[in-house]
N, C-alpha and C. Protein backbone atom coordinates (compact mmCIF):
# COMPACT_ATOMS: atom_id res chain seq x y z
N MET A 1 69.01 87.99 -17.90
CA MET A 1 68.07 88.82 -18.65
C MET A 1 67.32 89.80 -17.96
N SER A 2 67.18 90.89 -18.21
CA SER A 2 66.41 91.95 -17.84
C SER A 2 65.22 92.29 -18.50
N PHE A 3 64.23 92.96 -17.51
CA PHE A 3 62.90 93.01 -18.22
C PHE A 3 63.07 94.49 -18.90
N LEU A 4 62.35 94.22 -20.03
CA LEU A 4 62.46 95.61 -20.65
C LEU A 4 60.74 96.08 -20.99
N PRO A 5 60.15 97.14 -20.73
CA PRO A 5 58.84 97.51 -20.79
C PRO A 5 58.91 97.86 -22.32
N GLY A 6 57.13 97.29 -22.67
CA GLY A 6 56.46 97.83 -23.78
C GLY A 6 57.36 97.13 -25.03
N THR A 7 57.29 97.85 -26.46
CA THR A 7 57.90 97.09 -27.43
C THR A 7 59.26 97.07 -27.28
N ALA A 8 60.25 97.91 -26.38
CA ALA A 8 61.45 97.66 -26.16
C ALA A 8 61.62 96.26 -25.67
N SER A 9 60.77 95.38 -25.36
CA SER A 9 60.98 94.06 -25.02
C SER A 9 61.52 93.07 -25.88
N LEU A 10 60.91 93.66 -27.39
CA LEU A 10 60.90 92.92 -28.54
C LEU A 10 62.62 93.03 -29.23
N ILE A 11 63.41 93.83 -28.65
CA ILE A 11 64.63 94.04 -28.84
C ILE A 11 65.41 92.79 -28.80
N GLU A 12 65.08 91.97 -27.77
CA GLU A 12 65.55 90.55 -27.39
C GLU A 12 65.51 89.57 -28.63
N GLU A 13 64.19 89.61 -29.16
CA GLU A 13 63.75 88.89 -30.56
C GLU A 13 64.49 89.22 -31.80
N ILE A 14 65.12 90.23 -31.69
CA ILE A 14 65.84 90.33 -33.18
C ILE A 14 66.68 89.43 -33.44
N ASP A 15 66.64 88.94 -35.00
CA ASP A 15 67.19 87.78 -35.42
C ASP A 15 66.83 86.60 -35.07
N LYS A 16 65.68 86.47 -34.48
CA LYS A 16 64.97 85.03 -34.02
C LYS A 16 63.91 84.87 -35.30
N LYS A 17 63.52 83.57 -35.29
CA LYS A 17 62.68 83.13 -36.33
C LYS A 17 61.08 83.34 -35.44
N LEU A 18 59.97 83.96 -35.98
CA LEU A 18 59.02 84.12 -35.02
C LEU A 18 57.78 84.04 -35.83
N LEU A 19 56.67 83.62 -35.12
CA LEU A 19 55.54 83.48 -35.59
C LEU A 19 54.75 84.61 -35.32
N VAL A 20 54.22 85.32 -36.17
CA VAL A 20 53.11 86.50 -35.93
C VAL A 20 51.48 86.14 -36.43
N VAL A 21 50.99 86.56 -35.73
CA VAL A 21 49.30 86.24 -36.05
C VAL A 21 48.71 87.48 -36.56
N LEU A 22 48.26 87.91 -37.38
CA LEU A 22 47.91 89.22 -37.62
C LEU A 22 46.03 89.32 -37.53
N ARG A 23 45.62 90.65 -37.22
CA ARG A 23 44.27 90.59 -37.12
C ARG A 23 43.24 89.99 -38.09
N ASP A 24 43.99 89.72 -39.47
CA ASP A 24 43.02 89.31 -40.33
C ASP A 24 43.09 87.83 -40.26
N SER A 25 43.86 87.25 -39.05
CA SER A 25 43.91 86.00 -38.80
C SER A 25 45.18 85.22 -39.65
N ARG A 26 45.70 86.00 -40.44
CA ARG A 26 47.10 85.39 -41.66
C ARG A 26 48.15 84.98 -40.66
N THR A 27 48.59 84.18 -40.72
CA THR A 27 50.05 83.45 -40.09
C THR A 27 51.08 83.89 -40.71
N LEU A 28 52.28 84.49 -40.35
CA LEU A 28 53.43 84.82 -40.87
C LEU A 28 54.50 84.24 -40.13
N ILE A 29 55.45 83.80 -40.80
CA ILE A 29 56.77 83.24 -40.05
C ILE A 29 57.79 83.77 -40.79
N GLY A 30 58.73 84.47 -40.03
CA GLY A 30 60.02 84.97 -40.44
C GLY A 30 61.05 85.62 -39.34
N TYR A 31 62.19 85.99 -40.07
CA TYR A 31 62.94 86.56 -38.97
C TYR A 31 62.78 87.97 -38.61
N LEU A 32 62.66 88.25 -37.23
CA LEU A 32 62.52 89.61 -37.04
C LEU A 32 64.03 90.28 -37.11
N ARG A 33 63.62 91.32 -37.88
CA ARG A 33 64.79 92.18 -38.32
C ARG A 33 65.06 93.66 -37.69
N SER A 34 64.03 94.08 -37.44
CA SER A 34 63.86 95.49 -36.99
C SER A 34 62.43 95.95 -36.25
N ILE A 35 62.24 96.59 -35.55
CA ILE A 35 61.13 97.10 -34.78
C ILE A 35 61.18 98.52 -34.34
N ASP A 36 60.15 99.16 -34.22
CA ASP A 36 60.22 100.59 -33.57
C ASP A 36 59.27 100.88 -32.55
N GLN A 37 59.16 102.00 -32.22
CA GLN A 37 58.31 102.34 -30.57
C GLN A 37 57.01 101.95 -31.00
N PHE A 38 56.38 101.81 -32.11
CA PHE A 38 54.99 101.37 -32.39
C PHE A 38 55.00 99.81 -32.74
N ALA A 39 55.77 98.95 -32.46
CA ALA A 39 55.78 97.80 -32.50
C ALA A 39 55.72 97.54 -34.04
N ASN A 40 56.15 98.14 -35.19
CA ASN A 40 56.02 97.86 -36.19
C ASN A 40 57.11 96.75 -36.38
N LEU A 41 56.96 95.75 -37.42
CA LEU A 41 57.83 94.87 -37.55
C LEU A 41 58.52 94.97 -38.84
N VAL A 42 59.58 94.24 -39.19
CA VAL A 42 60.22 94.08 -40.53
C VAL A 42 60.76 92.64 -40.46
N LEU A 43 60.12 91.89 -41.36
CA LEU A 43 60.44 90.21 -41.22
C LEU A 43 61.05 90.04 -42.55
N GLN A 44 62.13 89.19 -42.32
CA GLN A 44 62.85 88.77 -43.42
C GLN A 44 62.67 87.24 -43.65
N GLN A 45 62.77 86.70 -44.92
CA GLN A 45 62.53 85.17 -45.17
C GLN A 45 61.01 85.16 -44.76
N THR A 46 60.27 86.13 -45.02
CA THR A 46 59.05 85.63 -44.50
C THR A 46 57.75 84.47 -45.46
N ILE A 47 57.37 83.76 -44.76
CA ILE A 47 56.21 82.74 -45.30
C ILE A 47 54.93 83.23 -44.84
N GLU A 48 53.74 83.01 -45.36
CA GLU A 48 52.54 83.04 -44.98
C GLU A 48 52.06 81.67 -44.84
N ARG A 49 51.83 80.87 -43.59
CA ARG A 49 51.32 79.68 -43.44
C ARG A 49 49.66 79.58 -43.83
N ILE A 50 49.19 78.75 -44.29
CA ILE A 50 47.83 78.47 -44.45
C ILE A 50 47.60 77.21 -43.76
N TYR A 51 46.65 76.92 -42.78
CA TYR A 51 46.02 75.99 -42.14
C TYR A 51 44.74 75.36 -42.62
N VAL A 52 44.52 74.29 -42.73
CA VAL A 52 43.31 73.89 -42.96
C VAL A 52 43.16 72.87 -42.73
N GLY A 53 42.58 72.33 -41.56
CA GLY A 53 42.34 70.95 -40.98
C GLY A 53 43.79 70.52 -40.38
N ASP A 54 44.18 69.36 -40.99
CA ASP A 54 45.27 68.76 -40.58
C ASP A 54 46.42 68.93 -41.57
N LYS A 55 46.36 69.76 -42.48
CA LYS A 55 47.00 70.41 -43.45
C LYS A 55 47.79 71.75 -43.42
N PHE A 56 48.97 71.96 -43.97
CA PHE A 56 49.14 73.51 -43.88
C PHE A 56 50.18 73.65 -45.43
N GLY A 57 50.10 74.91 -45.61
CA GLY A 57 51.26 75.47 -47.13
C GLY A 57 51.71 76.64 -46.64
N ASP A 58 52.98 76.59 -47.22
CA ASP A 58 53.62 77.85 -47.06
C ASP A 58 53.69 78.69 -48.36
N ILE A 59 53.34 79.75 -48.27
CA ILE A 59 53.33 80.65 -49.32
C ILE A 59 54.68 81.73 -49.11
N PRO A 60 55.69 81.67 -49.74
CA PRO A 60 57.10 82.74 -49.63
C PRO A 60 56.53 84.18 -49.90
N ARG A 61 56.73 85.00 -49.01
CA ARG A 61 56.63 86.32 -49.05
C ARG A 61 57.48 87.47 -49.03
N GLY A 62 58.90 86.78 -48.55
CA GLY A 62 60.28 87.71 -48.54
C GLY A 62 60.16 88.54 -47.42
N ILE A 63 60.33 89.93 -47.73
CA ILE A 63 60.57 90.99 -46.60
C ILE A 63 59.30 91.40 -46.59
N PHE A 64 58.78 91.63 -45.21
CA PHE A 64 57.52 91.84 -44.84
C PHE A 64 57.34 92.63 -43.99
N ILE A 65 56.84 93.92 -44.06
CA ILE A 65 56.64 95.12 -43.08
C ILE A 65 55.23 95.00 -42.43
N VAL A 66 55.09 94.73 -41.15
CA VAL A 66 53.72 94.51 -40.51
C VAL A 66 53.60 95.97 -39.56
N ARG A 67 52.41 96.51 -39.58
CA ARG A 67 51.85 97.58 -38.74
C ARG A 67 51.86 97.08 -37.31
N GLY A 68 52.44 97.50 -36.30
CA GLY A 68 52.18 97.15 -35.20
C GLY A 68 50.83 96.81 -34.51
N GLU A 69 49.86 97.86 -35.13
CA GLU A 69 48.51 97.50 -34.49
C GLU A 69 47.92 96.31 -35.04
N ASN A 70 48.31 95.74 -36.23
CA ASN A 70 47.74 94.68 -36.67
C ASN A 70 48.19 93.08 -36.04
N VAL A 71 49.15 93.15 -35.20
CA VAL A 71 49.48 92.29 -34.43
C VAL A 71 48.72 91.57 -33.45
N VAL A 72 48.62 90.29 -33.49
CA VAL A 72 47.48 89.82 -32.36
C VAL A 72 48.39 88.95 -31.41
N LEU A 73 49.42 88.21 -31.94
CA LEU A 73 50.15 87.23 -31.12
C LEU A 73 51.44 87.17 -32.02
N LEU A 74 52.50 87.17 -31.02
CA LEU A 74 54.09 87.16 -31.68
C LEU A 74 54.46 86.21 -30.69
N GLY A 75 55.27 85.14 -31.17
CA GLY A 75 56.15 84.07 -30.59
C GLY A 75 57.34 83.74 -31.32
N GLU A 76 58.65 83.43 -30.50
CA GLU A 76 59.53 82.83 -31.05
C GLU A 76 59.18 81.15 -31.37
N ILE A 77 59.92 80.93 -32.40
CA ILE A 77 59.50 79.43 -32.95
C ILE A 77 60.69 78.55 -32.36
N ASP A 78 60.37 77.49 -31.76
CA ASP A 78 61.51 76.49 -31.35
C ASP A 78 61.62 75.60 -32.50
N PRO A 79 62.58 75.58 -33.02
CA PRO A 79 63.01 74.74 -34.25
C PRO A 79 62.66 73.11 -34.10
N GLU A 80 63.20 72.72 -32.84
CA GLU A 80 62.96 71.41 -32.47
C GLU A 80 61.44 70.97 -32.58
N LEU A 81 60.66 71.56 -32.02
CA LEU A 81 59.33 71.44 -31.84
C LEU A 81 58.60 71.92 -32.98
N GLU A 82 59.10 72.46 -33.89
CA GLU A 82 58.32 72.84 -35.46
C GLU A 82 58.50 71.43 -36.01
N SER A 83 59.67 71.04 -36.12
CA SER A 83 59.66 69.64 -36.83
C SER A 83 58.87 68.55 -36.25
N MET A 84 58.16 68.38 -35.29
CA MET A 84 57.85 67.41 -34.58
C MET A 84 56.13 67.48 -34.83
N THR A 85 55.44 68.54 -35.59
CA THR A 85 54.38 68.78 -35.78
C THR A 85 53.51 67.62 -36.70
N LYS A 86 52.26 67.18 -36.40
CA LYS A 86 51.42 66.23 -36.74
C LYS A 86 50.93 66.76 -37.97
N LEU A 87 51.06 67.89 -38.25
CA LEU A 87 50.23 68.28 -39.57
C LEU A 87 51.04 67.95 -41.10
N THR A 88 50.28 67.82 -42.00
CA THR A 88 51.03 67.34 -43.33
C THR A 88 51.07 68.55 -44.17
N LYS A 89 52.42 68.76 -44.55
CA LYS A 89 52.80 69.89 -45.70
C LYS A 89 52.10 69.58 -46.91
N VAL A 90 51.51 70.55 -47.60
CA VAL A 90 51.16 70.23 -49.02
C VAL A 90 51.57 71.52 -49.69
N ASN A 91 51.29 71.42 -51.25
CA ASN A 91 51.93 72.40 -51.88
C ASN A 91 50.97 73.33 -52.17
N ILE A 92 51.62 74.81 -52.58
CA ILE A 92 50.42 75.82 -52.21
C ILE A 92 49.16 75.74 -53.00
N ASP A 93 49.10 75.45 -54.35
CA ASP A 93 48.02 75.15 -54.95
C ASP A 93 46.87 74.54 -54.31
N GLU A 94 47.49 73.24 -53.36
CA GLU A 94 46.76 72.13 -53.03
C GLU A 94 46.19 73.30 -51.84
N ILE A 95 46.73 73.86 -50.93
CA ILE A 95 46.40 74.64 -49.74
C ILE A 95 45.45 75.61 -50.11
N LEU A 96 45.67 76.55 -51.26
CA LEU A 96 44.76 77.55 -51.78
C LEU A 96 43.29 76.90 -52.24
N MET A 97 43.53 75.74 -52.69
CA MET A 97 42.28 75.02 -53.06
C MET A 97 41.32 74.68 -51.71
N LEU A 98 41.97 74.13 -50.89
CA LEU A 98 41.39 73.61 -49.61
C LEU A 98 40.97 74.67 -48.50
N GLN A 99 41.60 75.91 -48.67
CA GLN A 99 41.32 77.18 -47.91
C GLN A 99 40.09 77.87 -48.70
N GLU A 100 40.00 77.77 -49.90
CA GLU A 100 38.60 78.30 -50.83
C GLU A 100 37.38 77.08 -50.44
N LYS A 101 37.67 75.92 -50.57
CA LYS A 101 36.74 75.03 -50.22
C LYS A 101 35.91 75.16 -48.64
N GLU A 102 37.01 75.61 -47.71
CA GLU A 102 36.66 75.59 -46.49
C GLU A 102 35.62 77.08 -46.27
N ARG A 103 36.12 77.95 -47.09
CA ARG A 103 35.73 79.44 -46.84
C ARG A 103 34.11 79.15 -47.73
N GLN A 104 33.93 78.32 -48.76
CA GLN A 104 32.61 78.22 -49.36
C GLN A 104 31.79 77.24 -48.40
N GLU A 105 32.52 76.46 -47.73
CA GLU A 105 31.57 75.73 -46.71
C GLU A 105 30.96 76.60 -45.65
N ARG A 106 31.87 77.39 -45.22
CA ARG A 106 31.68 78.31 -44.15
C ARG A 106 30.10 79.24 -44.67
N LEU A 107 30.47 79.94 -45.74
CA LEU A 107 29.41 80.75 -46.31
C LEU A 107 28.05 80.02 -46.54
N ASP A 108 28.22 78.87 -47.28
CA ASP A 108 27.10 77.78 -47.34
C ASP A 108 26.34 77.49 -45.93
N ALA A 109 27.37 77.12 -44.84
CA ALA A 109 26.61 76.91 -43.60
C ALA A 109 25.81 78.31 -43.06
N GLU A 110 26.58 79.46 -43.15
CA GLU A 110 25.72 80.76 -42.78
C GLU A 110 24.57 80.74 -43.62
N GLU A 111 24.49 80.80 -44.48
CA GLU A 111 23.45 80.85 -45.52
C GLU A 111 22.26 80.06 -45.08
N PHE A 112 22.54 78.69 -44.83
CA PHE A 112 21.74 77.65 -44.34
C PHE A 112 20.99 78.23 -43.16
N LYS A 113 21.80 78.71 -42.09
CA LYS A 113 21.44 79.20 -41.02
C LYS A 113 20.46 80.27 -40.98
N LYS A 114 20.76 81.36 -42.12
CA LYS A 114 20.14 82.58 -42.23
C LYS A 114 18.46 81.99 -42.64
N ARG A 115 18.71 81.05 -43.77
CA ARG A 115 17.36 80.58 -44.11
C ARG A 115 16.29 79.85 -42.99
N ALA A 116 16.95 79.10 -42.15
CA ALA A 116 16.38 78.40 -41.14
C ALA A 116 15.93 79.33 -40.19
N LEU A 117 16.73 80.69 -39.74
CA LEU A 117 16.07 81.58 -38.98
C LEU A 117 14.85 82.11 -39.63
N LYS A 118 14.95 82.60 -40.97
CA LYS A 118 14.02 83.33 -41.70
C LYS A 118 12.70 82.58 -41.67
N GLU A 119 12.74 81.45 -41.67
CA GLU A 119 11.49 80.50 -41.93
C GLU A 119 10.77 80.50 -40.59
N ARG A 120 11.59 80.53 -39.62
CA ARG A 120 10.77 80.60 -38.06
C ARG A 120 10.69 82.05 -37.74
N GLY A 121 10.88 82.98 -38.83
CA GLY A 121 10.62 84.50 -38.24
C GLY A 121 11.38 85.03 -37.42
N LEU A 122 12.67 84.85 -37.53
CA LEU A 122 13.80 85.36 -37.08
C LEU A 122 14.84 86.09 -38.12
N THR A 123 15.52 87.16 -37.44
CA THR A 123 16.57 87.56 -38.39
C THR A 123 17.92 87.81 -37.77
N ILE A 124 19.07 87.57 -38.59
CA ILE A 124 20.34 87.79 -37.92
C ILE A 124 20.57 88.97 -38.12
N PRO A 125 21.13 89.74 -37.26
CA PRO A 125 21.47 91.47 -37.36
C PRO A 125 23.08 91.38 -38.59
N GLN A 126 22.90 91.89 -39.49
CA GLN A 126 23.73 92.20 -40.46
C GLN A 126 25.06 92.64 -39.99
N SER A 127 26.04 92.23 -40.69
CA SER A 127 27.43 92.52 -40.26
C SER A 127 27.98 92.86 -41.63
N ASP A 128 29.33 93.63 -41.47
CA ASP A 128 29.82 93.49 -42.71
C ASP A 128 30.76 92.35 -43.26
N PRO A 129 30.54 91.92 -44.49
CA PRO A 129 30.97 90.82 -44.81
C PRO A 129 32.77 91.01 -44.85
N ILE A 130 33.26 89.82 -44.78
CA ILE A 130 34.73 90.03 -44.88
C ILE A 130 35.29 90.26 -46.32
N PRO A 131 35.85 90.95 -46.48
CA PRO A 131 36.47 91.56 -47.89
C PRO A 131 37.04 90.05 -48.54
N GLU A 132 36.83 89.66 -49.92
CA GLU A 132 37.58 88.68 -50.60
C GLU A 132 38.77 88.75 -50.51
N GLU A 133 39.54 89.89 -50.29
CA GLU A 133 40.88 90.04 -50.50
C GLU A 133 41.76 89.20 -49.15
N TYR A 134 40.92 88.98 -48.26
CA TYR A 134 41.41 88.54 -47.02
C TYR A 134 41.33 86.81 -47.12
N TYR A 135 40.96 86.54 -48.10
CA TYR A 135 41.06 84.81 -48.36
C TYR A 135 42.17 84.32 -49.18
């Protein structure tokens, strides 16, 4: 096995099952079919995996094109280790409901912190909220 610099090293991953974590924190799993010099990826038989606590759900996405600048982490999946997970697989509707509940709890906790700090005369610098389409 020889070392290839930069995105050329991904050539060895063609036709393998990969996990890709994106900048917006989504997790994709699919077979790498193509790459280019910018590390843009084409994934086939892609699923989007959503984790909430000790549960996960898979949403089929089909062929997925990922712009290289959005990739945070990329790695090959070992089928033997994948089957040994201690997580519970649930259906799409249930995982989406759990994800929304988790998001609402996070927003409520953030609002509680803001109120508590405001009561003490402190403020949190405003940041841009995460757009709804990322949930």
